[in-house]
Amino acid sequence: MSPKPLLISGRDLIKILKKLGYEKISQRGSHIKLKNHGTGSVVIIPDHKELDRWTLKTILKQAEISDRDFNDHLSK
């Protein structure tokens, strides 16, 4: 069983995704759209103080990032 992702804010998640090759392509209200031009994947991140675990898990699944890889980047 993979470890649970840690709780994180939307802005902190965006910083991590930018390190993984994502860049901001648009924003509408509090939702920020990021795209990885290498893989073509697009994710929408809500700019909230704390993301719900389910929301975070869904975003990581869309970005094809495992919980373990995410937690490794979070601890750096």
Protein backbone atom coordinates (compact mmCIF):
# COMPACT_ATOMS: atom_id res chain seq x y z
CA MET A 1 0.00 0.00 0.00
CA SER A 2 1.45 3.37 -0.98
CA PRO A 3 1.86 6.09 1.66
CA LYS A 4 -0.78 8.80 1.92
CA PRO A 5 0.22 12.12 0.37
CA LEU A 6 0.93 14.82 2.93
CA LEU A 7 -1.35 17.84 3.25
CA ILE A 8 -0.17 20.82 1.22
CA SER A 9 -1.39 24.19 -0.05
CA GLY A 10 -2.23 24.82 -3.69
CA ARG A 11 0.69 27.24 -4.07
CA ASP A 12 3.17 24.74 -2.64
CA LEU A 13 1.86 22.06 -5.01
CA ILE A 14 2.34 24.44 -7.94
CA LYS A 15 5.97 25.04 -6.89
CA ILE A 16 6.61 21.28 -6.87
CA LEU A 17 4.91 20.75 -10.22
CA LYS A 18 6.98 23.57 -11.75
CA LYS A 19 10.12 21.73 -10.64
CA LEU A 20 8.75 18.67 -12.45
CA GLY A 21 8.37 20.55 -15.74
CA TYR A 22 4.90 22.10 -15.50
CA GLU A 23 4.25 25.72 -16.37
CA LYS A 24 1.29 28.00 -15.75
CA ILE A 25 -0.82 28.47 -18.87
CA SER A 26 -3.90 30.21 -17.44
CA GLN A 27 -5.87 31.12 -14.36
CA ARG A 28 -9.56 31.64 -13.74
CA GLY A 29 -10.42 32.86 -10.28
CA SER A 30 -8.66 30.69 -7.72
CA HIS A 31 -7.97 27.81 -10.14
CA ILE A 32 -4.61 27.67 -11.92
CA LYS A 33 -4.04 25.55 -15.03
CA LEU A 34 -0.59 24.01 -15.49
CA LYS A 35 0.74 22.07 -18.47
CA ASN A 36 3.73 19.80 -18.93
CA HIS A 37 4.79 20.24 -22.54
CA GLY A 38 6.93 17.09 -22.38
CA THR A 39 4.05 14.77 -21.51
CA GLY A 40 1.17 16.95 -22.67
CA SER A 41 -0.68 16.52 -19.37
CA VAL A 42 -2.77 19.39 -18.02
CA VAL A 43 -3.77 19.77 -14.37
CA ILE A 44 -5.93 22.37 -12.63
CA ILE A 45 -4.85 23.36 -9.14
CA PRO A 46 -7.18 25.19 -6.73
CA ASP A 47 -5.28 27.96 -4.93
CA HIS A 48 -6.46 26.97 -1.43
CA LYS A 49 -4.60 27.11 1.88
CA GLU A 50 -4.92 23.35 2.28
CA LEU A 51 -5.92 20.89 -0.45
CA ASP A 52 -8.24 18.06 0.45
CA ARG A 53 -6.48 14.66 0.31
CA TRP A 54 -8.89 13.42 -2.36
CA THR A 55 -8.27 16.52 -4.51
CA LEU A 56 -4.51 16.16 -4.12
CA LYS A 57 -4.64 12.44 -4.95
CA THR A 58 -6.70 13.17 -8.08
CA ILE A 59 -4.27 15.88 -9.23
CA LEU A 60 -1.29 13.55 -8.70
CA LYS A 61 -3.06 10.83 -10.68
CA GLN A 62 -3.72 13.24 -13.56
CA ALA A 63 -0.07 14.34 -13.47
CA GLU A 64 1.03 10.67 -13.34
CA ILE A 65 3.04 11.23 -10.14
CA SER A 66 3.06 8.51 -7.48
CA ASP A 67 2.42 9.39 -3.83
CA ARG A 68 5.95 8.21 -2.99
CA ASP A 69 7.56 10.44 -5.68
CA PHE A 70 5.46 13.38 -4.54
CA ASN A 71 6.42 12.92 -0.89
CA ASP A 72 10.11 12.68 -1.94
CA HIS A 73 9.85 16.05 -3.76
CA LEU A 74 7.96 17.54 -0.83
CA SER A 75 10.72 16.70 1.61
CA LYS A 76 13.43 18.36 -0.53
